[in-house]
Amino acid sequence: MSTIERAADLLRSLAQGPQKPAASEGAALQPDAIERIAESLAAKGKSAHAAGATTRTFKVDRSRLREQSMITPDGERTAVAESFRRVKRQILANLASPKAGAPPANLVMVTSALAGEGKTFCAVNLAMSIALEMDRTVLLVDADVAQPSVPRALGLQADRGLMDVLLDRSIDLSDVLWKADFGRLTVLPVGGAHKHATELLASEAMRVLLRDMAQRYHDRIIVFDSPPLLAASEAGVLASQMGQIVVVVEAGKTSDAALKDALGRIDASPVVGLLLNKVEGPSLEYGYGGYG
């Protein structure tokens, strides 16, 4: 049974009327502009090793995390924490059996079909849960150029990030990384918005940067909070470079048609999992299914 067929089974009892996804198309770059940007980005892959060298730290706002029902660095035992422990185990299990020719399995993208389904909530919780492991570190990347939410969720104020590194060769990756105060979590904000974000994320230099980051730190999981698949073209570009993709599905909201459309856009990706979010129930608030 394919991922799309499993998704249809999962949503059959939850589906509502079809929803119209928002359309977004990146403006095309002129060939000479692409060439200039490619030259500017070529050196960035060489500095990816700096991902573990940042000394800037920030204090995670634990009160804010609790207000949002998110996992905290203190490791409190909550229903959400227990649910993401199970999600995390699936992610980690796939690291042990990578697929030949596929992108590195420690590049993990969290997305959704539509906006508002809780992808940032799930991305932050997944990163926090992995950061509580004894032998793992996490780099949480805010890759939602249009609506960055990760820094706000954690209480981090940052003006520069990934887009600035891709646009300005004088900025090193270590200049825009922030290390959390509890040690195993590092955050890469998205930085300033750019009209050619799709082309930048699709560039060969970005691909080299990702591969270098993934290979130099084999114990590090790199979690990307991506834009929704049906709302922004950047999501599809990122998906093509990811080793694992988690698609967040909001129970009772996401239509069968929207989910099928979204999954059809990443059908060639090596490992795709469905994370059922906002499930109403007395004991389990967040469900996980369809991983494989």
C-alpha atoms as a PDB file:
ATOM      1  CA  MET A   1       0.000   0.000   0.000  1.00  0.00           C
ATOM      2  CA  SER A   2       1.458   3.367  -1.007  1.00  0.00           C
ATOM      3  CA  THR A   3       1.860   6.377   1.283  1.00  0.00           C
ATOM      4  CA  ILE A   4      -1.032   8.098  -0.480  1.00  0.00           C
ATOM      5  CA  GLU A   5      -3.310   5.094  -0.040  1.00  0.00           C
ATOM      6  CA  ARG A   6      -2.424   4.910   3.666  1.00  0.00           C
ATOM      7  CA  ALA A   7      -3.177   8.602   3.960  1.00  0.00           C
ATOM      8  CA  ALA A   8      -6.579   8.097   2.391  1.00  0.00           C
ATOM      9  CA  ASP A   9      -7.381   5.364   4.904  1.00  0.00           C
ATOM     10  CA  LEU A  10      -6.168   7.520   7.764  1.00  0.00           C
ATOM     11  CA  LEU A  11      -8.363  10.469   6.784  1.00  0.00           C
ATOM     12  CA  ARG A  12     -11.486   8.738   5.515  1.00  0.00           C
ATOM     13  CA  SER A  13     -13.348   9.289   8.769  1.00  0.00           C
ATOM     14  CA  LEU A  14     -11.839  12.715   9.351  1.00  0.00           C
ATOM     15  CA  ALA A  15     -12.083  14.305   5.912  1.00  0.00           C
ATOM     16  CA  GLN A  16     -14.151  17.391   5.382  1.00  0.00           C
ATOM     17  CA  GLY A  17     -14.890  19.359   2.246  1.00  0.00           C
ATOM     18  CA  PRO A  18     -12.052  20.018  -0.181  1.00  0.00           C
ATOM     19  CA  GLN A  19      -9.849  22.945   0.631  1.00  0.00           C
ATOM     20  CA  LYS A  20      -8.163  25.231  -1.856  1.00  0.00           C
ATOM     21  CA  PRO A  21      -4.441  25.453  -1.266  1.00  0.00           C
ATOM     22  CA  ALA A  22      -2.770  28.768  -1.665  1.00  0.00           C
ATOM     23  CA  ALA A  23      -0.512  28.964  -4.670  1.00  0.00           C
ATOM     24  CA  SER A  24       2.962  30.423  -4.579  1.00  0.00           C
ATOM     25  CA  GLU A  25       5.462  30.551  -7.385  1.00  0.00           C
ATOM     26  CA  GLY A  26       9.023  31.815  -7.059  1.00  0.00           C
ATOM     27  CA  ALA A  27      10.034  34.423  -9.597  1.00  0.00           C
ATOM     28  CA  ALA A  28      12.518  33.173 -12.148  1.00  0.00           C
ATOM     29  CA  LEU A  29      16.115  34.350 -11.934  1.00  0.00           C
ATOM     30  CA  GLN A  30      17.951  35.551 -14.989  1.00  0.00           C
ATOM     31  CA  PRO A  31      20.807  33.222 -16.063  1.00  0.00           C
ATOM     32  CA  ASP A  32      23.496  35.766 -15.183  1.00  0.00           C
ATOM     33  CA  ALA A  33      21.965  36.311 -11.744  1.00  0.00           C
ATOM     34  CA  ILE A  34      21.917  32.564 -11.123  1.00  0.00           C
ATOM     35  CA  GLU A  35      25.572  32.351 -12.140  1.00  0.00           C
ATOM     36  CA  ARG A  36      26.564  35.171  -9.799  1.00  0.00           C
ATOM     37  CA  ILE A  37      24.669  33.646  -6.883  1.00  0.00           C
ATOM     38  CA  ALA A  38      26.155  30.206  -7.601  1.00  0.00           C
ATOM     39  CA  GLU A  39      29.655  31.681  -7.495  1.00  0.00           C
ATOM     40  CA  SER A  40      28.836  33.492  -4.289  1.00  0.00           C
ATOM     41  CA  LEU A  41      27.516  30.328  -2.683  1.00  0.00           C
ATOM     42  CA  ALA A  42      30.238  27.952  -3.795  1.00  0.00           C
ATOM     43  CA  ALA A  43      32.412  28.653  -0.767  1.00  0.00           C
ATOM     44  CA  LYS A  44      29.597  28.094   1.714  1.00  0.00           C
ATOM     45  CA  GLY A  45      29.840  24.316   1.675  1.00  0.00           C
ATOM     46  CA  LYS A  46      33.416  24.606   2.923  1.00  0.00           C
ATOM     47  CA  SER A  47      32.298  26.413   6.065  1.00  0.00           C
ATOM     48  CA  ALA A  48      29.534  23.989   7.000  1.00  0.00           C
ATOM     49  CA  HIS A  49      31.782  22.382   9.611  1.00  0.00           C
ATOM     50  CA  ALA A  50      31.283  25.535  11.660  1.00  0.00           C
ATOM     51  CA  ALA A  51      27.812  24.225  12.556  1.00  0.00           C
ATOM     52  CA  GLY A  52      29.269  22.791  15.735  1.00  0.00           C
ATOM     53  CA  ALA A  53      31.586  25.694  16.527  1.00  0.00           C
ATOM     54  CA  THR A  54      29.183  28.451  17.495  1.00  0.00           C
ATOM     55  CA  THR A  55      29.615  29.934  20.968  1.00  0.00           C
ATOM     56  CA  ARG A  56      26.576  32.207  20.971  1.00  0.00           C
ATOM     57  CA  THR A  57      23.947  30.928  23.345  1.00  0.00           C
ATOM     58  CA  PHE A  58      20.379  31.811  24.209  1.00  0.00           C
ATOM     59  CA  LYS A  59      18.169  30.867  27.112  1.00  0.00           C
ATOM     60  CA  VAL A  60      15.221  28.756  26.069  1.00  0.00           C
ATOM     61  CA  ASP A  61      12.009  30.306  27.358  1.00  0.00           C
ATOM     62  CA  ARG A  62      10.671  27.369  29.351  1.00  0.00           C
ATOM     63  CA  SER A  63       7.546  29.232  30.461  1.00  0.00           C
ATOM     64  CA  ARG A  64       6.648  29.970  26.860  1.00  0.00           C
ATOM     65  CA  LEU A  65       7.133  26.343  25.911  1.00  0.00           C
ATOM     66  CA  ARG A  66       4.821  25.232  28.726  1.00  0.00           C
ATOM     67  CA  GLU A  67       2.193  27.756  27.664  1.00  0.00           C
ATOM     68  CA  GLN A  68       2.281  26.202  24.186  1.00  0.00           C
ATOM     69  CA  SER A  69       2.115  22.646  25.623  1.00  0.00           C
ATOM     70  CA  MET A  70       5.584  21.964  24.201  1.00  0.00           C
ATOM     71  CA  ILE A  71       8.380  19.774  25.528  1.00  0.00           C
ATOM     72  CA  THR A  72      10.810  21.587  27.828  1.00  0.00           C
ATOM     73  CA  PRO A  73      14.533  20.945  28.427  1.00  0.00           C
ATOM     74  CA  ASP A  74      13.655  19.898  31.980  1.00  0.00           C
ATOM     75  CA  GLY A  75      12.251  16.619  30.661  1.00  0.00           C
ATOM     76  CA  GLU A  76       8.849  16.841  32.334  1.00  0.00           C
ATOM     77  CA  ARG A  77       6.722  13.772  31.689  1.00  0.00           C
ATOM     78  CA  THR A  78       3.690  14.873  29.688  1.00  0.00           C
ATOM     79  CA  ALA A  79       1.387  13.293  27.106  1.00  0.00           C
ATOM     80  CA  VAL A  80       3.077  15.337  24.378  1.00  0.00           C
ATOM     81  CA  ALA A  81       6.550  14.248  25.505  1.00  0.00           C
ATOM     82  CA  GLU A  82       5.502  10.587  25.478  1.00  0.00           C
ATOM     83  CA  SER A  83       3.980  10.886  22.021  1.00  0.00           C
ATOM     84  CA  PHE A  84       7.102  12.469  20.540  1.00  0.00           C
ATOM     85  CA  ARG A  85       9.285   9.815  22.130  1.00  0.00           C
ATOM     86  CA  ARG A  86       7.534   7.324  19.848  1.00  0.00           C
ATOM     87  CA  VAL A  87       7.904   9.595  16.824  1.00  0.00           C
ATOM     88  CA  LYS A  88      11.575  10.097  17.646  1.00  0.00           C
ATOM     89  CA  ARG A  89      12.232   6.348  17.807  1.00  0.00           C
ATOM     90  CA  GLN A  90      10.959   5.937  14.254  1.00  0.00           C
ATOM     91  CA  ILE A  91      13.227   8.739  13.049  1.00  0.00           C
ATOM     92  CA  LEU A  92      16.274   7.300  14.802  1.00  0.00           C
ATOM     93  CA  ALA A  93      15.530   3.778  13.584  1.00  0.00           C
ATOM     94  CA  ASN A  94      15.717   4.953   9.980  1.00  0.00           C
ATOM     95  CA  LEU A  95      19.242   6.255  10.579  1.00  0.00           C
ATOM     96  CA  ALA A  96      20.429   2.674  11.030  1.00  0.00           C
ATOM     97  CA  SER A  97      19.217   1.566   7.600  1.00  0.00           C
ATOM     98  CA  PRO A  98      19.737   4.393   5.082  1.00  0.00           C
ATOM     99  CA  LYS A  99      18.633   3.852   1.503  1.00  0.00           C
ATOM    100  CA  ALA A 100      21.331   3.660  -1.144  1.00  0.00           C
ATOM    101  CA  GLY A 101      21.567   6.803  -3.245  1.00  0.00           C
ATOM    102  CA  ALA A 102      19.142   8.724  -1.015  1.00  0.00           C
ATOM    103  CA  PRO A 103      19.999  11.961   0.808  1.00  0.00           C
ATOM    104  CA  PRO A 104      21.445  11.521   4.322  1.00  0.00           C
ATOM    105  CA  ALA A 105      18.808  10.132   6.701  1.00  0.00           C
ATOM    106  CA  ASN A 106      19.705  12.668   9.404  1.00  0.00           C
ATOM    107  CA  LEU A 107      18.227  15.445   7.248  1.00  0.00           C
ATOM    108  CA  VAL A 108      14.622  15.472   8.504  1.00  0.00           C
ATOM    109  CA  MET A 109      11.945  17.802   7.156  1.00  0.00           C
ATOM    110  CA  VAL A 110       8.706  18.518   9.019  1.00  0.00           C
ATOM    111  CA  THR A 111       5.936  19.913   6.837  1.00  0.00           C
ATOM    112  CA  SER A 112       2.180  19.777   6.235  1.00  0.00           C
ATOM    113  CA  ALA A 113      -0.237  20.054   3.349  1.00  0.00           C
ATOM    114  CA  LEU A 114      -1.740  23.370   4.469  1.00  0.00           C
ATOM    115  CA  ALA A 115      -0.951  26.148   6.908  1.00  0.00           C
ATOM    116  CA  GLY A 116      -2.149  25.919  10.509  1.00  0.00           C
ATOM    117  CA  GLU A 117      -1.854  22.157  10.946  1.00  0.00           C
ATOM    118  CA  GLY A 118       0.841  22.388  13.621  1.00  0.00           C
ATOM    119  CA  LYS A 119       4.059  21.694  11.722  1.00  0.00           C
ATOM    120  CA  THR A 120       6.147  24.170  13.759  1.00  0.00           C
ATOM    121  CA  PHE A 121       4.711  22.731  16.975  1.00  0.00           C
ATOM    122  CA  CYS A 122       5.760  19.261  15.818  1.00  0.00           C
ATOM    123  CA  ALA A 123       9.178  20.355  14.506  1.00  0.00           C
ATOM    124  CA  VAL A 124      10.100  22.052  17.778  1.00  0.00           C
ATOM    125  CA  ASN A 125       8.836  19.140  19.874  1.00  0.00           C
ATOM    126  CA  LEU A 126      10.671  16.597  17.737  1.00  0.00           C
ATOM    127  CA  ALA A 127      13.915  18.578  18.043  1.00  0.00           C
ATOM    128  CA  MET A 128      13.466  19.013  21.792  1.00  0.00           C
ATOM    129  CA  SER A 129      12.777  15.312  22.254  1.00  0.00           C
ATOM    130  CA  ILE A 130      15.872  14.287  20.272  1.00  0.00           C
ATOM    131  CA  ALA A 131      17.957  16.850  22.196  1.00  0.00           C
ATOM    132  CA  LEU A 132      17.120  14.982  25.396  1.00  0.00           C
ATOM    133  CA  GLU A 133      18.905  11.871  24.058  1.00  0.00           C
ATOM    134  CA  MET A 134      22.216  11.010  25.702  1.00  0.00           C
ATOM    135  CA  ASP A 135      24.197  10.582  22.472  1.00  0.00           C
ATOM    136  CA  ARG A 136      22.484  12.880  19.955  1.00  0.00           C
ATOM    137  CA  THR A 137      22.603  16.572  19.119  1.00  0.00           C
ATOM    138  CA  VAL A 138      20.060  18.524  17.078  1.00  0.00           C
ATOM    139  CA  LEU A 139      20.231  21.426  14.670  1.00  0.00           C
ATOM    140  CA  LEU A 140      16.740  22.929  14.295  1.00  0.00           C
ATOM    141  CA  VAL A 141      16.485  24.946  11.069  1.00  0.00           C
ATOM    142  CA  ASP A 142      13.671  27.410  10.481  1.00  0.00           C
ATOM    143  CA  ALA A 143      13.201  27.095   6.727  1.00  0.00           C
ATOM    144  CA  ASP A 144       9.759  28.715   6.495  1.00  0.00           C
ATOM    145  CA  VAL A 145      10.813  31.900   4.705  1.00  0.00           C
ATOM    146  CA  ALA A 146       7.325  33.405   4.516  1.00  0.00           C
ATOM    147  CA  GLN A 147       6.229  32.726   8.105  1.00  0.00           C
ATOM    148  CA  PRO A 148       9.210  31.919  10.369  1.00  0.00           C
ATOM    149  CA  SER A 149       7.987  30.673  13.750  1.00  0.00           C
ATOM    150  CA  VAL A 150      10.735  28.631  15.423  1.00  0.00           C
ATOM    151  CA  PRO A 151      12.611  31.509  17.150  1.00  0.00           C
ATOM    152  CA  ARG A 152       9.349  32.907  18.531  1.00  0.00           C
ATOM    153  CA  ALA A 153       8.352  29.506  19.924  1.00  0.00           C
ATOM    154  CA  LEU A 154      11.684  29.185  21.773  1.00  0.00           C
ATOM    155  CA  GLY A 155      11.986  32.800  22.898  1.00  0.00           C
ATOM    156  CA  LEU A 156      14.919  33.568  20.572  1.00  0.00           C
ATOM    157  CA  GLN A 157      15.388  36.974  18.933  1.00  0.00           C
ATOM    158  CA  ALA A 158      17.506  36.784  15.791  1.00  0.00           C
ATOM    159  CA  ASP A 159      17.610  38.928  12.653  1.00  0.00           C
ATOM    160  CA  ARG A 160      20.008  36.894  10.507  1.00  0.00           C
ATOM    161  CA  GLY A 161      19.973  33.272   9.435  1.00  0.00           C
ATOM    162  CA  LEU A 162      20.064  30.813   6.547  1.00  0.00           C
ATOM    163  CA  MET A 163      18.974  33.231   3.816  1.00  0.00           C
ATOM    164  CA  ASP A 164      21.658  35.720   4.824  1.00  0.00           C
ATOM    165  CA  VAL A 165      24.351  33.028   4.630  1.00  0.00           C
ATOM    166  CA  LEU A 166      23.186  32.067   1.148  1.00  0.00           C
ATOM    167  CA  LEU A 167      23.167  35.661  -0.073  1.00  0.00           C
ATOM    168  CA  ASP A 168      26.316  37.091   1.525  1.00  0.00           C
ATOM    169  CA  ARG A 169      29.560  35.130   1.215  1.00  0.00           C
ATOM    170  CA  SER A 170      31.130  37.176   4.029  1.00  0.00           C
ATOM    171  CA  ILE A 171      28.701  35.618   6.549  1.00  0.00           C
ATOM    172  CA  ASP A 172      29.797  32.271   7.935  1.00  0.00           C
ATOM    173  CA  LEU A 173      27.266  29.711   9.085  1.00  0.00           C
ATOM    174  CA  SER A 174      28.642  29.919  12.617  1.00  0.00           C
ATOM    175  CA  ASP A 175      27.778  33.630  12.652  1.00  0.00           C
ATOM    176  CA  VAL A 176      24.052  32.918  12.581  1.00  0.00           C
ATOM    177  CA  LEU A 177      23.796  29.793  14.766  1.00  0.00           C
ATOM    178  CA  TRP A 178      22.416  29.931  18.303  1.00  0.00           C
ATOM    179  CA  LYS A 179      23.164  27.253  20.896  1.00  0.00           C
ATOM    180  CA  ALA A 180      20.465  26.577  23.469  1.00  0.00           C
ATOM    181  CA  ASP A 181      21.413  26.876  27.119  1.00  0.00           C
ATOM    182  CA  PHE A 182      20.863  23.181  27.838  1.00  0.00           C
ATOM    183  CA  GLY A 183      23.561  21.985  25.483  1.00  0.00           C
ATOM    184  CA  ARG A 184      22.279  19.623  22.800  1.00  0.00           C
ATOM    185  CA  LEU A 185      20.096  21.921  20.710  1.00  0.00           C
ATOM    186  CA  THR A 186      21.345  24.482  18.174  1.00  0.00           C
ATOM    187  CA  VAL A 187      19.012  26.731  16.178  1.00  0.00           C
ATOM    188  CA  LEU A 188      19.480  28.191  12.701  1.00  0.00           C
ATOM    189  CA  PRO A 189      16.907  30.960  12.067  1.00  0.00           C
ATOM    190  CA  VAL A 190      15.716  31.558   8.518  1.00  0.00           C
ATOM    191  CA  GLY A 191      16.896  35.176   8.461  1.00  0.00           C
ATOM    192  CA  GLY A 192      15.649  37.810   6.046  1.00  0.00           C
ATOM    193  CA  ALA A 193      13.030  37.008   3.416  1.00  0.00           C
ATOM    194  CA  HIS A 194      14.109  36.997  -0.223  1.00  0.00           C
ATOM    195  CA  LYS A 195      12.116  36.904  -3.440  1.00  0.00           C
ATOM    196  CA  HIS A 196      14.420  34.242  -4.888  1.00  0.00           C
ATOM    197  CA  ALA A 197      14.282  31.958  -1.837  1.00  0.00           C
ATOM    198  CA  THR A 198      13.196  28.965  -3.924  1.00  0.00           C
ATOM    199  CA  GLU A 199      16.151  29.306  -6.280  1.00  0.00           C
ATOM    200  CA  LEU A 200      18.579  29.755  -3.399  1.00  0.00           C
ATOM    201  CA  LEU A 201      17.331  26.619  -1.645  1.00  0.00           C
ATOM    202  CA  ALA A 202      17.541  24.704  -4.934  1.00  0.00           C
ATOM    203  CA  SER A 203      21.115  25.789  -5.657  1.00  0.00           C
ATOM    204  CA  GLU A 204      23.997  23.334  -5.846  1.00  0.00           C
ATOM    205  CA  ALA A 205      25.796  25.242  -3.097  1.00  0.00           C
ATOM    206  CA  MET A 206      22.826  24.669  -0.752  1.00  0.00           C
ATOM    207  CA  ARG A 207      22.916  20.983  -1.597  1.00  0.00           C
ATOM    208  CA  VAL A 208      26.644  20.833  -0.863  1.00  0.00           C
ATOM    209  CA  LEU A 209      26.123  22.708   2.389  1.00  0.00           C
ATOM    210  CA  LEU A 210      23.440  20.270   3.536  1.00  0.00           C
ATOM    211  CA  ARG A 211      25.481  17.205   2.651  1.00  0.00           C
ATOM    212  CA  ASP A 212      28.545  18.551   4.412  1.00  0.00           C
ATOM    213  CA  MET A 213      26.581  19.384   7.545  1.00  0.00           C
ATOM    214  CA  ALA A 214      24.973  15.938   7.563  1.00  0.00           C
ATOM    215  CA  GLN A 215      28.198  14.008   6.989  1.00  0.00           C
ATOM    216  CA  ARG A 216      30.567  15.898   9.282  1.00  0.00           C
ATOM    217  CA  TYR A 217      28.291  15.415  12.306  1.00  0.00           C
ATOM    218  CA  HIS A 218      26.931  11.893  11.995  1.00  0.00           C
ATOM    219  CA  ASP A 219      25.419  12.022  15.507  1.00  0.00           C
ATOM    220  CA  ARG A 220      23.475  15.201  14.726  1.00  0.00           C
ATOM    221  CA  ILE A 221      19.879  15.214  13.490  1.00  0.00           C
ATOM    222  CA  ILE A 222      19.058  18.268  11.383  1.00  0.00           C
ATOM    223  CA  VAL A 223      15.350  19.081  11.636  1.00  0.00           C
ATOM    224  CA  PHE A 224      13.827  21.545   9.149  1.00  0.00           C
ATOM    225  CA  ASP A 225      10.590  23.397   9.817  1.00  0.00           C
ATOM    226  CA  SER A 226       9.427  23.676   6.214  1.00  0.00           C
ATOM    227  CA  PRO A 227       6.635  25.697   4.612  1.00  0.00           C
ATOM    228  CA  PRO A 228       3.408  23.798   3.810  1.00  0.00           C
ATOM    229  CA  LEU A 229       3.674  21.716   0.658  1.00  0.00           C
ATOM    230  CA  LEU A 230       0.638  23.278  -1.025  1.00  0.00           C
ATOM    231  CA  ALA A 231       1.391  26.849   0.000  1.00  0.00           C
ATOM    232  CA  ALA A 232       4.988  27.475  -1.058  1.00  0.00           C
ATOM    233  CA  SER A 233       7.305  26.153  -3.757  1.00  0.00           C
ATOM    234  CA  GLU A 234      10.229  26.135  -1.288  1.00  0.00           C
ATOM    235  CA  ALA A 235       8.762  23.054   0.396  1.00  0.00           C
ATOM    236  CA  GLY A 236       9.084  20.890  -2.691  1.00  0.00           C
ATOM    237  CA  VAL A 237      12.647  22.063  -3.261  1.00  0.00           C
ATOM    238  CA  LEU A 238      13.636  21.194   0.312  1.00  0.00           C
ATOM    239  CA  ALA A 239      11.884  17.834   0.116  1.00  0.00           C
ATOM    240  CA  SER A 240      14.100  16.748  -2.774  1.00  0.00           C
ATOM    241  CA  GLN A 241      17.157  17.105  -0.521  1.00  0.00           C
ATOM    242  CA  MET A 242      15.791  15.448   2.621  1.00  0.00           C
ATOM    243  CA  GLY A 243      16.479  11.917   3.845  1.00  0.00           C
ATOM    244  CA  GLN A 244      13.254  11.753   5.890  1.00  0.00           C
ATOM    245  CA  ILE A 245      10.010  13.731   5.698  1.00  0.00           C
ATOM    246  CA  VAL A 246       7.320  13.989   8.363  1.00  0.00           C
ATOM    247  CA  VAL A 247       3.979  15.288   7.087  1.00  0.00           C
ATOM    248  CA  VAL A 248       1.756  16.722   9.821  1.00  0.00           C
ATOM    249  CA  VAL A 249      -1.958  16.039   9.345  1.00  0.00           C
ATOM    250  CA  GLU A 250      -4.535  17.890  11.432  1.00  0.00           C
ATOM    251  CA  ALA A 251      -7.277  15.535  12.557  1.00  0.00           C
ATOM    252  CA  GLY A 252     -10.732  16.679  11.506  1.00  0.00           C
ATOM    253  CA  LYS A 253      -9.435  19.419   9.221  1.00  0.00           C
ATOM    254  CA  THR A 254      -7.077  18.203   6.500  1.00  0.00           C
ATOM    255  CA  SER A 255      -9.132  16.983   3.550  1.00  0.00           C
ATOM    256  CA  ASP A 256      -8.381  13.742   1.774  1.00  0.00           C
ATOM    257  CA  ALA A 257      -7.853  15.624  -1.505  1.00  0.00           C
ATOM    258  CA  ALA A 258      -5.386  18.106   0.026  1.00  0.00           C
ATOM    259  CA  LEU A 259      -3.302  15.379   1.634  1.00  0.00           C
ATOM    260  CA  LYS A 260      -3.189  13.297  -1.539  1.00  0.00           C
ATOM    261  CA  ASP A 261      -2.102  16.351  -3.509  1.00  0.00           C
ATOM    262  CA  ALA A 262       0.617  17.166  -0.969  1.00  0.00           C
ATOM    263  CA  LEU A 263       1.962  13.612  -0.827  1.00  0.00           C
ATOM    264  CA  GLY A 264       1.951  13.426  -4.609  1.00  0.00           C
ATOM    265  CA  ARG A 265       4.483  16.238  -4.661  1.00  0.00           C
ATOM    266  CA  ILE A 266       6.978  14.276  -2.544  1.00  0.00           C
ATOM    267  CA  ASP A 267       6.206  10.788  -3.811  1.00  0.00           C
ATOM    268  CA  ALA A 268       9.810  10.296  -4.921  1.00  0.00           C
ATOM    269  CA  SER A 269      11.201  11.019  -1.443  1.00  0.00           C
ATOM    270  CA  PRO A 270      12.818   8.007   0.271  1.00  0.00           C
ATOM    271  CA  VAL A 271      11.019   7.945   3.647  1.00  0.00           C
ATOM    272  CA  VAL A 272       7.750   9.722   4.344  1.00  0.00           C
ATOM    273  CA  GLY A 273       5.836   9.554   7.625  1.00  0.00           C
ATOM    274  CA  LEU A 274       2.408  10.864   8.585  1.00  0.00           C
ATOM    275  CA  LEU A 275       1.982  12.534  11.968  1.00  0.00           C
ATOM    276  CA  LEU A 276      -1.666  12.869  13.012  1.00  0.00           C
ATOM    277  CA  ASN A 277      -1.918  16.015  15.119  1.00  0.00           C
ATOM    278  CA  LYS A 278      -4.639  17.394  17.417  1.00  0.00           C
ATOM    279  CA  VAL A 279      -6.353  14.063  18.029  1.00  0.00           C
ATOM    280  CA  GLU A 280      -9.075  14.382  20.645  1.00  0.00           C
ATOM    281  CA  GLY A 281      -8.939  11.706  23.313  1.00  0.00           C
ATOM    282  CA  PRO A 282      -8.576  11.163  27.062  1.00  0.00           C
ATOM    283  CA  SER A 283      -5.060   9.733  27.049  1.00  0.00           C
ATOM    284  CA  LEU A 284      -3.271  10.348  23.741  1.00  0.00           C
ATOM    285  CA  GLU A 285      -3.271  13.851  22.352  1.00  0.00           C
ATOM    286  CA  TYR A 286      -1.001  13.271  19.374  1.00  0.00           C
ATOM    287  CA  GLY A 287      -0.982  10.194  17.188  1.00  0.00           C
ATOM    288  CA  TYR A 288       1.613   8.917  14.733  1.00  0.00           C
ATOM    289  CA  GLY A 289       0.962   6.579  11.864  1.00  0.00           C
ATOM    290  CA  GLY A 290       1.775   5.499   8.356  1.00  0.00           C
ATOM    291  CA  TYR A 291       5.548   5.631   8.692  1.00  0.00           C
ATOM    292  CA  GLY A 292       7.500   3.717   6.093  1.00  0.00           C
END
